[in-house]
Amino acid sequence: MSTAPREWDATTYQRISVPHEEWAEAVLARLPLEGEETVLDAGCGTGRVTRMLIERLPEGRVIGVDGSTAMVEKVREILRPQDEAFAADLTALQLPEPVDAVVSSAVFHWIHDHEALFARLRAALRPGGRLVAQCGGAGNIDEFRRAGAEVAARQPYSAHFEDFDQPWNYAGAGETEERLRAAGFEQVRCWLEPWEVIPPEPAEFARTIVLGAQLEQLPEGLREPFVADVLAAAGEPLRLGYVRLNIDAVAA
């Protein structure tokens, strides 16, 4: 199984990922800031969270990190001179100095090794620094994923999925709390939250956000038919039963 971060279509992602902005706003509402802190945006994407952080940190600094170079190039368009963004694997992240807080939205479920992830995030934080995050949790878009698996098992797609390893890690709240404590966090609180999404552009949303890993398995000529078949199997209108795993913790 490849553990390398995926590349993304950053331009399309920015246009259609409106639910991700709502999730980000909910995450940042849980993080008190004075305005002078240094905050790590772990998995900054195209910069939705980064932009919100910049507004809340007029005298502070934002460090954006993402595994996709296309995303990093996009987020650099909004940075101030004191801010920074670079591409890196979060499970191997190293910062020259600890930060005051780490925020992350819709990222951690793309990382299989949560033990390594949380260890690196703890190392990036000063003692007393806060981790505030959300990602896909146990049960996330289960019905849609079942529809995708059903279509992937059909001809002419099935031969291309013989070696497909699901890239998602939709963890539960209890196991995540245990991993965070083992990594050196305290005051840990994790909980699951259902969040239904009905995307206004279902084909584009599915193609860019929820079926990207499957489409990478297919030759170009089968990608659009696969998207159409999965959407047909999922039914209209497309209702995605997201489940968000919320994470609050403090570095011991």
C-alpha atoms as a PDB file:
ATOM      1  CA  MET A   1       0.000   0.000   0.000  1.00  0.00           C
ATOM      2  CA  SER A   2       1.291   3.445  -0.916  1.00  0.00           C
ATOM      3  CA  THR A   3       1.405   5.875   1.992  1.00  0.00           C
ATOM      4  CA  ALA A   4       2.574   8.851  -0.049  1.00  0.00           C
ATOM      5  CA  PRO A   5       0.295  11.906   0.124  1.00  0.00           C
ATOM      6  CA  ARG A   6      -2.034  12.268  -2.861  1.00  0.00           C
ATOM      7  CA  GLU A   7      -1.891  15.081  -5.349  1.00  0.00           C
ATOM      8  CA  TRP A   8      -5.125  17.020  -5.874  1.00  0.00           C
ATOM      9  CA  ASP A   9      -6.804  19.248  -8.449  1.00  0.00           C
ATOM     10  CA  ALA A  10      -6.379  22.326  -6.262  1.00  0.00           C
ATOM     11  CA  THR A  11      -8.396  24.721  -8.446  1.00  0.00           C
ATOM     12  CA  THR A  12     -11.491  22.512  -8.654  1.00  0.00           C
ATOM     13  CA  TYR A  13     -11.175  21.552  -4.992  1.00  0.00           C
ATOM     14  CA  GLN A  14     -11.226  25.217  -3.963  1.00  0.00           C
ATOM     15  CA  ARG A  15     -14.375  25.865  -6.006  1.00  0.00           C
ATOM     16  CA  ILE A  16     -16.523  22.961  -4.875  1.00  0.00           C
ATOM     17  CA  SER A  17     -15.390  22.141  -1.346  1.00  0.00           C
ATOM     18  CA  VAL A  18     -17.917  24.435   0.355  1.00  0.00           C
ATOM     19  CA  PRO A  19     -18.778  21.864   3.084  1.00  0.00           C
ATOM     20  CA  HIS A  20     -15.112  21.868   4.061  1.00  0.00           C
ATOM     21  CA  GLU A  21     -15.352  25.577   4.811  1.00  0.00           C
ATOM     22  CA  GLU A  22     -18.296  24.954   7.137  1.00  0.00           C
ATOM     23  CA  TRP A  23     -16.324  22.244   8.921  1.00  0.00           C
ATOM     24  CA  ALA A  24     -13.326  24.558   9.212  1.00  0.00           C
ATOM     25  CA  GLU A  25     -15.419  27.328  10.761  1.00  0.00           C
ATOM     26  CA  ALA A  26     -16.722  24.869  13.342  1.00  0.00           C
ATOM     27  CA  VAL A  27     -13.167  23.777  14.188  1.00  0.00           C
ATOM     28  CA  LEU A  28     -11.812  27.298  14.594  1.00  0.00           C
ATOM     29  CA  ALA A  29     -14.755  28.252  16.803  1.00  0.00           C
ATOM     30  CA  ARG A  30     -13.273  25.855  19.378  1.00  0.00           C
ATOM     31  CA  LEU A  31      -9.827  27.523  19.386  1.00  0.00           C
ATOM     32  CA  PRO A  32      -9.366  30.703  21.470  1.00  0.00           C
ATOM     33  CA  LEU A  33      -6.637  32.968  20.061  1.00  0.00           C
ATOM     34  CA  GLU A  34      -5.215  36.286  21.253  1.00  0.00           C
ATOM     35  CA  GLY A  35      -3.925  37.237  17.807  1.00  0.00           C
ATOM     36  CA  GLU A  36      -0.173  36.915  18.372  1.00  0.00           C
ATOM     37  CA  GLU A  37       0.240  33.138  18.287  1.00  0.00           C
ATOM     38  CA  THR A  38       2.016  30.909  15.802  1.00  0.00           C
ATOM     39  CA  VAL A  39      -0.409  28.275  14.501  1.00  0.00           C
ATOM     40  CA  LEU A  40       0.234  25.230  12.334  1.00  0.00           C
ATOM     41  CA  ASP A  41      -2.435  24.467   9.722  1.00  0.00           C
ATOM     42  CA  ALA A  42      -1.870  20.718   9.371  1.00  0.00           C
ATOM     43  CA  GLY A  43      -3.067  19.767   5.899  1.00  0.00           C
ATOM     44  CA  CYS A  44      -3.720  23.314   4.716  1.00  0.00           C
ATOM     45  CA  GLY A  45      -5.246  22.351   1.354  1.00  0.00           C
ATOM     46  CA  THR A  46      -6.075  25.375  -0.771  1.00  0.00           C
ATOM     47  CA  GLY A  47      -6.074  27.660   2.254  1.00  0.00           C
ATOM     48  CA  ARG A  48      -9.637  27.869   3.549  1.00  0.00           C
ATOM     49  CA  VAL A  49      -8.486  27.358   7.157  1.00  0.00           C
ATOM     50  CA  THR A  50      -5.286  29.310   6.525  1.00  0.00           C
ATOM     51  CA  ARG A  51      -7.253  32.361   5.416  1.00  0.00           C
ATOM     52  CA  MET A  52      -9.418  32.219   8.543  1.00  0.00           C
ATOM     53  CA  LEU A  53      -6.333  31.909  10.723  1.00  0.00           C
ATOM     54  CA  ILE A  54      -4.677  34.895   9.050  1.00  0.00           C
ATOM     55  CA  GLU A  55      -7.741  36.995   9.869  1.00  0.00           C
ATOM     56  CA  ARG A  56      -7.567  35.920  13.509  1.00  0.00           C
ATOM     57  CA  LEU A  57      -3.783  36.353  13.841  1.00  0.00           C
ATOM     58  CA  PRO A  58      -3.049  39.965  12.835  1.00  0.00           C
ATOM     59  CA  GLU A  59       0.174  39.951  14.876  1.00  0.00           C
ATOM     60  CA  GLY A  60       0.781  36.231  14.671  1.00  0.00           C
ATOM     61  CA  ARG A  61       2.036  33.713  12.147  1.00  0.00           C
ATOM     62  CA  VAL A  62       0.542  30.803  10.207  1.00  0.00           C
ATOM     63  CA  ILE A  63       2.513  27.783   9.025  1.00  0.00           C
ATOM     64  CA  GLY A  64       0.682  25.778   6.366  1.00  0.00           C
ATOM     65  CA  VAL A  65       1.739  22.203   5.622  1.00  0.00           C
ATOM     66  CA  ASP A  66       0.232  19.858   3.052  1.00  0.00           C
ATOM     67  CA  GLY A  67       1.287  16.679   1.298  1.00  0.00           C
ATOM     68  CA  SER A  68       0.208  18.056  -2.088  1.00  0.00           C
ATOM     69  CA  THR A  69       2.544  20.511  -3.812  1.00  0.00           C
ATOM     70  CA  ALA A  70      -0.401  21.818  -5.877  1.00  0.00           C
ATOM     71  CA  MET A  71      -2.230  22.703  -2.678  1.00  0.00           C
ATOM     72  CA  VAL A  72       0.826  24.420  -1.226  1.00  0.00           C
ATOM     73  CA  GLU A  73       1.276  26.506  -4.360  1.00  0.00           C
ATOM     74  CA  LYS A  74      -2.367  27.568  -4.099  1.00  0.00           C
ATOM     75  CA  VAL A  75      -2.184  28.502  -0.418  1.00  0.00           C
ATOM     76  CA  ARG A  76       0.938  30.599  -0.926  1.00  0.00           C
ATOM     77  CA  GLU A  77      -1.192  33.052  -2.900  1.00  0.00           C
ATOM     78  CA  ILE A  78      -2.835  34.273   0.321  1.00  0.00           C
ATOM     79  CA  LEU A  79       0.126  34.305   2.721  1.00  0.00           C
ATOM     80  CA  ARG A  80       1.625  37.382   4.326  1.00  0.00           C
ATOM     81  CA  PRO A  81       5.403  37.895   4.589  1.00  0.00           C
ATOM     82  CA  GLN A  82       5.510  36.397   8.098  1.00  0.00           C
ATOM     83  CA  ASP A  83       3.570  33.270   7.090  1.00  0.00           C
ATOM     84  CA  GLU A  84       4.948  30.097   5.524  1.00  0.00           C
ATOM     85  CA  ALA A  85       3.730  27.045   3.604  1.00  0.00           C
ATOM     86  CA  PHE A  86       5.585  23.941   2.504  1.00  0.00           C
ATOM     87  CA  ALA A  87       4.914  20.379   1.361  1.00  0.00           C
ATOM     88  CA  ALA A  88       5.569  17.582   3.829  1.00  0.00           C
ATOM     89  CA  ASP A  89       4.244  14.268   5.087  1.00  0.00           C
ATOM     90  CA  LEU A  90       2.606  15.021   8.438  1.00  0.00           C
ATOM     91  CA  THR A  91       3.808  11.697   9.867  1.00  0.00           C
ATOM     92  CA  ALA A  92       7.395  12.883   9.351  1.00  0.00           C
ATOM     93  CA  LEU A  93       6.854  16.574  10.138  1.00  0.00           C
ATOM     94  CA  GLN A  94       9.682  18.506  11.765  1.00  0.00           C
ATOM     95  CA  LEU A  95       9.525  22.186  12.678  1.00  0.00           C
ATOM     96  CA  PRO A  96      12.503  24.263  13.827  1.00  0.00           C
ATOM     97  CA  GLU A  97      10.490  25.719  16.731  1.00  0.00           C
ATOM     98  CA  PRO A  98       7.302  24.593  18.500  1.00  0.00           C
ATOM     99  CA  VAL A  99       4.012  26.311  17.712  1.00  0.00           C
ATOM    100  CA  ASP A 100       1.255  27.516  20.018  1.00  0.00           C
ATOM    101  CA  ALA A 101      -1.549  25.552  18.371  1.00  0.00           C
ATOM    102  CA  VAL A 102      -2.274  23.034  15.637  1.00  0.00           C
ATOM    103  CA  VAL A 103      -5.503  23.071  13.663  1.00  0.00           C
ATOM    104  CA  SER A 104      -6.631  20.643  11.007  1.00  0.00           C
ATOM    105  CA  SER A 105      -9.798  20.149   8.995  1.00  0.00           C
ATOM    106  CA  ALA A 106     -10.735  17.149   6.816  1.00  0.00           C
ATOM    107  CA  VAL A 107      -7.212  15.731   6.692  1.00  0.00           C
ATOM    108  CA  PHE A 108      -6.391  13.050   9.268  1.00  0.00           C
ATOM    109  CA  HIS A 109      -8.585  10.364   7.670  1.00  0.00           C
ATOM    110  CA  TRP A 110      -6.160  10.332   4.717  1.00  0.00           C
ATOM    111  CA  ILE A 111      -3.367   9.194   7.053  1.00  0.00           C
ATOM    112  CA  HIS A 112      -3.208   5.521   8.036  1.00  0.00           C
ATOM    113  CA  ASP A 113      -0.671   5.825  10.851  1.00  0.00           C
ATOM    114  CA  HIS A 114      -2.411   7.952  13.451  1.00  0.00           C
ATOM    115  CA  GLU A 115       0.119   6.967  16.118  1.00  0.00           C
ATOM    116  CA  ALA A 116       2.949   8.518  14.088  1.00  0.00           C
ATOM    117  CA  LEU A 117       0.766  11.492  13.132  1.00  0.00           C
ATOM    118  CA  PHE A 118      -0.122  12.388  16.711  1.00  0.00           C
ATOM    119  CA  ALA A 119       3.469  11.896  17.869  1.00  0.00           C
ATOM    120  CA  ARG A 120       4.709  14.394  15.270  1.00  0.00           C
ATOM    121  CA  LEU A 121       1.963  16.900  16.103  1.00  0.00           C
ATOM    122  CA  ARG A 122       2.816  16.639  19.806  1.00  0.00           C
ATOM    123  CA  ALA A 123       6.468  17.295  18.942  1.00  0.00           C
ATOM    124  CA  ALA A 124       5.414  20.358  16.953  1.00  0.00           C
ATOM    125  CA  LEU A 125       3.569  21.887  19.939  1.00  0.00           C
ATOM    126  CA  ARG A 126       4.903  23.723  22.956  1.00  0.00           C
ATOM    127  CA  PRO A 127       3.749  22.312  26.305  1.00  0.00           C
ATOM    128  CA  GLY A 128       0.235  23.591  26.873  1.00  0.00           C
ATOM    129  CA  GLY A 129      -0.333  24.118  23.159  1.00  0.00           C
ATOM    130  CA  ARG A 130      -3.665  23.008  21.772  1.00  0.00           C
ATOM    131  CA  LEU A 131      -4.621  20.583  19.013  1.00  0.00           C
ATOM    132  CA  VAL A 132      -8.061  21.302  17.552  1.00  0.00           C
ATOM    133  CA  ALA A 133      -9.110  19.219  14.567  1.00  0.00           C
ATOM    134  CA  GLN A 134     -11.784  17.277  12.745  1.00  0.00           C
ATOM    135  CA  CYS A 135     -11.673  14.624  10.063  1.00  0.00           C
ATOM    136  CA  GLY A 136     -13.739  11.765   8.729  1.00  0.00           C
ATOM    137  CA  GLY A 137     -14.696   9.351  11.504  1.00  0.00           C
ATOM    138  CA  ALA A 138     -16.173   5.890  11.888  1.00  0.00           C
ATOM    139  CA  GLY A 139     -19.143   5.466   9.539  1.00  0.00           C
ATOM    140  CA  ASN A 140     -18.146   8.320   7.249  1.00  0.00           C
ATOM    141  CA  ILE A 141     -20.039   8.234   3.891  1.00  0.00           C
ATOM    142  CA  ASP A 142     -20.641   4.498   4.381  1.00  0.00           C
ATOM    143  CA  GLU A 143     -23.531   4.253   1.929  1.00  0.00           C
ATOM    144  CA  PHE A 144     -21.650   6.076  -0.810  1.00  0.00           C
ATOM    145  CA  ARG A 145     -18.547   3.950  -0.264  1.00  0.00           C
ATOM    146  CA  ARG A 146     -20.661   0.817  -0.553  1.00  0.00           C
ATOM    147  CA  ALA A 147     -22.036   2.092  -3.854  1.00  0.00           C
ATOM    148  CA  GLY A 148     -18.482   2.730  -5.061  1.00  0.00           C
ATOM    149  CA  ALA A 149     -17.349  -0.749  -4.043  1.00  0.00           C
ATOM    150  CA  GLU A 150     -20.337  -2.310  -5.790  1.00  0.00           C
ATOM    151  CA  VAL A 151     -19.541  -0.541  -9.056  1.00  0.00           C
ATOM    152  CA  ALA A 152     -15.811  -1.276  -8.726  1.00  0.00           C
ATOM    153  CA  ALA A 153     -16.640  -4.982  -8.581  1.00  0.00           C
ATOM    154  CA  ARG A 154     -18.359  -4.846 -11.998  1.00  0.00           C
ATOM    155  CA  GLN A 155     -16.890  -5.184 -15.449  1.00  0.00           C
ATOM    156  CA  PRO A 156     -15.070  -3.374 -16.983  1.00  0.00           C
ATOM    157  CA  TYR A 157     -13.777  -1.869 -13.735  1.00  0.00           C
ATOM    158  CA  SER A 158     -13.035  -4.877 -11.534  1.00  0.00           C
ATOM    159  CA  ALA A 159      -9.666  -5.782 -13.071  1.00  0.00           C
ATOM    160  CA  HIS A 160      -8.327  -2.355 -12.145  1.00  0.00           C
ATOM    161  CA  PHE A 161      -9.238  -2.710  -8.471  1.00  0.00           C
ATOM    162  CA  GLU A 162      -7.603  -6.060  -7.714  1.00  0.00           C
ATOM    163  CA  ASP A 163      -4.779  -4.350  -5.802  1.00  0.00           C
ATOM    164  CA  PHE A 164      -6.791  -1.389  -4.490  1.00  0.00           C
ATOM    165  CA  ASP A 165      -6.177  -0.561  -0.836  1.00  0.00           C
ATOM    166  CA  GLN A 166      -8.686   1.841   0.632  1.00  0.00           C
ATOM    167  CA  PRO A 167      -6.791   5.029   1.504  1.00  0.00           C
ATOM    168  CA  TRP A 168      -9.124   6.128   4.305  1.00  0.00           C
ATOM    169  CA  ASN A 169      -8.715   5.720   8.038  1.00  0.00           C
ATOM    170  CA  TYR A 170     -12.080   6.516   9.572  1.00  0.00           C
ATOM    171  CA  ALA A 171     -11.286   6.082  13.263  1.00  0.00           C
ATOM    172  CA  GLY A 172     -13.605   6.060  16.240  1.00  0.00           C
ATOM    173  CA  ALA A 173     -13.588   8.490  19.148  1.00  0.00           C
ATOM    174  CA  GLY A 174     -12.406   6.053  21.833  1.00  0.00           C
ATOM    175  CA  GLU A 175      -9.414   4.691  19.933  1.00  0.00           C
ATOM    176  CA  THR A 176      -8.422   8.227  18.923  1.00  0.00           C
ATOM    177  CA  GLU A 177      -8.450   9.396  22.537  1.00  0.00           C
ATOM    178  CA  GLU A 178      -6.171   6.495  23.468  1.00  0.00           C
ATOM    179  CA  ARG A 179      -3.727   7.314  20.671  1.00  0.00           C
ATOM    180  CA  LEU A 180      -3.607  10.984  21.632  1.00  0.00           C
ATOM    181  CA  ARG A 181      -2.861  10.207  25.280  1.00  0.00           C
ATOM    182  CA  ALA A 182      -0.148   7.752  24.250  1.00  0.00           C
ATOM    183  CA  ALA A 183       1.403  10.487  22.078  1.00  0.00           C
ATOM    184  CA  GLY A 184       1.677  12.899  25.011  1.00  0.00           C
ATOM    185  CA  PHE A 185      -1.610  14.798  25.011  1.00  0.00           C
ATOM    186  CA  GLU A 186      -3.891  15.500  27.958  1.00  0.00           C
ATOM    187  CA  GLN A 187      -7.363  17.021  28.418  1.00  0.00           C
ATOM    188  CA  VAL A 188      -8.309  14.851  25.446  1.00  0.00           C
ATOM    189  CA  ARG A 189     -11.852  14.903  24.111  1.00  0.00           C
ATOM    190  CA  CYS A 190     -13.027  13.242  20.878  1.00  0.00           C
ATOM    191  CA  TRP A 191     -16.563  12.819  19.560  1.00  0.00           C
ATOM    192  CA  LEU A 192     -18.375  11.846  16.377  1.00  0.00           C
ATOM    193  CA  GLU A 193     -20.817  14.223  14.667  1.00  0.00           C
ATOM    194  CA  PRO A 194     -23.103  13.389  11.705  1.00  0.00           C
ATOM    195  CA  TRP A 195     -23.137  16.010   8.954  1.00  0.00           C
ATOM    196  CA  GLU A 196     -25.172  15.414   5.799  1.00  0.00           C
ATOM    197  CA  VAL A 197     -23.982  17.040   2.580  1.00  0.00           C
ATOM    198  CA  ILE A 198     -25.997  17.382  -0.656  1.00  0.00           C
ATOM    199  CA  PRO A 199     -23.459  18.737  -3.167  1.00  0.00           C
ATOM    200  CA  PRO A 200     -24.888  21.080  -5.828  1.00  0.00           C
ATOM    201  CA  GLU A 201     -22.433  19.680  -8.388  1.00  0.00           C
ATOM    202  CA  PRO A 202     -22.560  15.962  -7.563  1.00  0.00           C
ATOM    203  CA  ALA A 203     -20.431  14.706 -10.471  1.00  0.00           C
ATOM    204  CA  GLU A 204     -17.684  17.274  -9.908  1.00  0.00           C
ATOM    205  CA  PHE A 205     -17.792  16.772  -6.154  1.00  0.00           C
ATOM    206  CA  ALA A 206     -17.587  12.993  -6.497  1.00  0.00           C
ATOM    207  CA  ARG A 207     -14.845  13.173  -9.107  1.00  0.00           C
ATOM    208  CA  THR A 208     -12.635  15.572  -7.187  1.00  0.00           C
ATOM    209  CA  ILE A 209     -13.240  14.793  -3.528  1.00  0.00           C
ATOM    210  CA  VAL A 210     -14.762  11.400  -2.781  1.00  0.00           C
ATOM    211  CA  LEU A 211     -13.751   9.224  -5.753  1.00  0.00           C
ATOM    212  CA  GLY A 212     -10.271  10.569  -6.454  1.00  0.00           C
ATOM    213  CA  ALA A 213      -8.440   7.519  -5.125  1.00  0.00           C
ATOM    214  CA  GLN A 214     -10.572   5.127  -7.197  1.00  0.00           C
ATOM    215  CA  LEU A 215     -10.173   7.174 -10.362  1.00  0.00           C
ATOM    216  CA  GLU A 216      -6.409   6.949 -10.034  1.00  0.00           C
ATOM    217  CA  GLN A 217      -6.816   3.178 -10.487  1.00  0.00           C
ATOM    218  CA  LEU A 218      -8.621   3.542 -13.812  1.00  0.00           C
ATOM    219  CA  PRO A 219      -7.469   4.410 -17.330  1.00  0.00           C
ATOM    220  CA  GLU A 220      -8.689   7.756 -18.602  1.00  0.00           C
ATOM    221  CA  GLY A 221     -11.445   6.256 -20.745  1.00  0.00           C
ATOM    222  CA  LEU A 222     -13.140   4.543 -17.789  1.00  0.00           C
ATOM    223  CA  ARG A 223     -13.083   7.403 -15.323  1.00  0.00           C
ATOM    224  CA  GLU A 224     -16.177   9.333 -16.392  1.00  0.00           C
ATOM    225  CA  PRO A 225     -18.273   6.157 -16.869  1.00  0.00           C
ATOM    226  CA  PHE A 226     -17.216   5.036 -13.397  1.00  0.00           C
ATOM    227  CA  VAL A 227     -18.306   8.336 -11.828  1.00  0.00           C
ATOM    228  CA  ALA A 228     -21.642   8.145 -13.641  1.00  0.00           C
ATOM    229  CA  ASP A 229     -22.225   4.540 -12.567  1.00  0.00           C
ATOM    230  CA  VAL A 230     -21.411   5.259  -8.922  1.00  0.00           C
ATOM    231  CA  LEU A 231     -23.746   8.262  -8.884  1.00  0.00           C
ATOM    232  CA  ALA A 232     -26.488   6.127 -10.410  1.00  0.00           C
ATOM    233  CA  ALA A 233     -25.948   3.464  -7.753  1.00  0.00           C
ATOM    234  CA  ALA A 234     -25.980   6.098  -4.982  1.00  0.00           C
ATOM    235  CA  GLY A 235     -29.294   7.593  -6.174  1.00  0.00           C
ATOM    236  CA  GLU A 236     -30.566  11.129  -6.695  1.00  0.00           C
ATOM    237  CA  PRO A 237     -30.168  13.572  -5.164  1.00  0.00           C
ATOM    238  CA  LEU A 238     -26.713  12.622  -3.960  1.00  0.00           C
ATOM    239  CA  ARG A 239     -26.826  12.602  -0.157  1.00  0.00           C
ATOM    240  CA  LEU A 240     -23.491  12.051   1.529  1.00  0.00           C
ATOM    241  CA  GLY A 241     -23.733  10.913   5.127  1.00  0.00           C
ATOM    242  CA  TYR A 242     -20.554  12.433   6.470  1.00  0.00           C
ATOM    243  CA  VAL A 243     -19.476  11.646  10.023  1.00  0.00           C
ATOM    244  CA  ARG A 244     -16.939  14.054  11.503  1.00  0.00           C
ATOM    245  CA  LEU A 245     -14.453  12.966  14.161  1.00  0.00           C
ATOM    246  CA  ASN A 246     -13.803  16.018  16.354  1.00  0.00           C
ATOM    247  CA  ILE A 247     -10.554  16.247  18.321  1.00  0.00           C
ATOM    248  CA  ASP A 248      -9.601  18.564  21.179  1.00  0.00           C
ATOM    249  CA  ALA A 249      -6.374  17.998  23.123  1.00  0.00           C
ATOM    250  CA  VAL A 250      -3.595  19.816  24.975  1.00  0.00           C
ATOM    251  CA  ALA A 251       0.128  19.025  24.748  1.00  0.00           C
ATOM    252  CA  ALA A 252       1.304  17.735  28.144  1.00  0.00           C
END
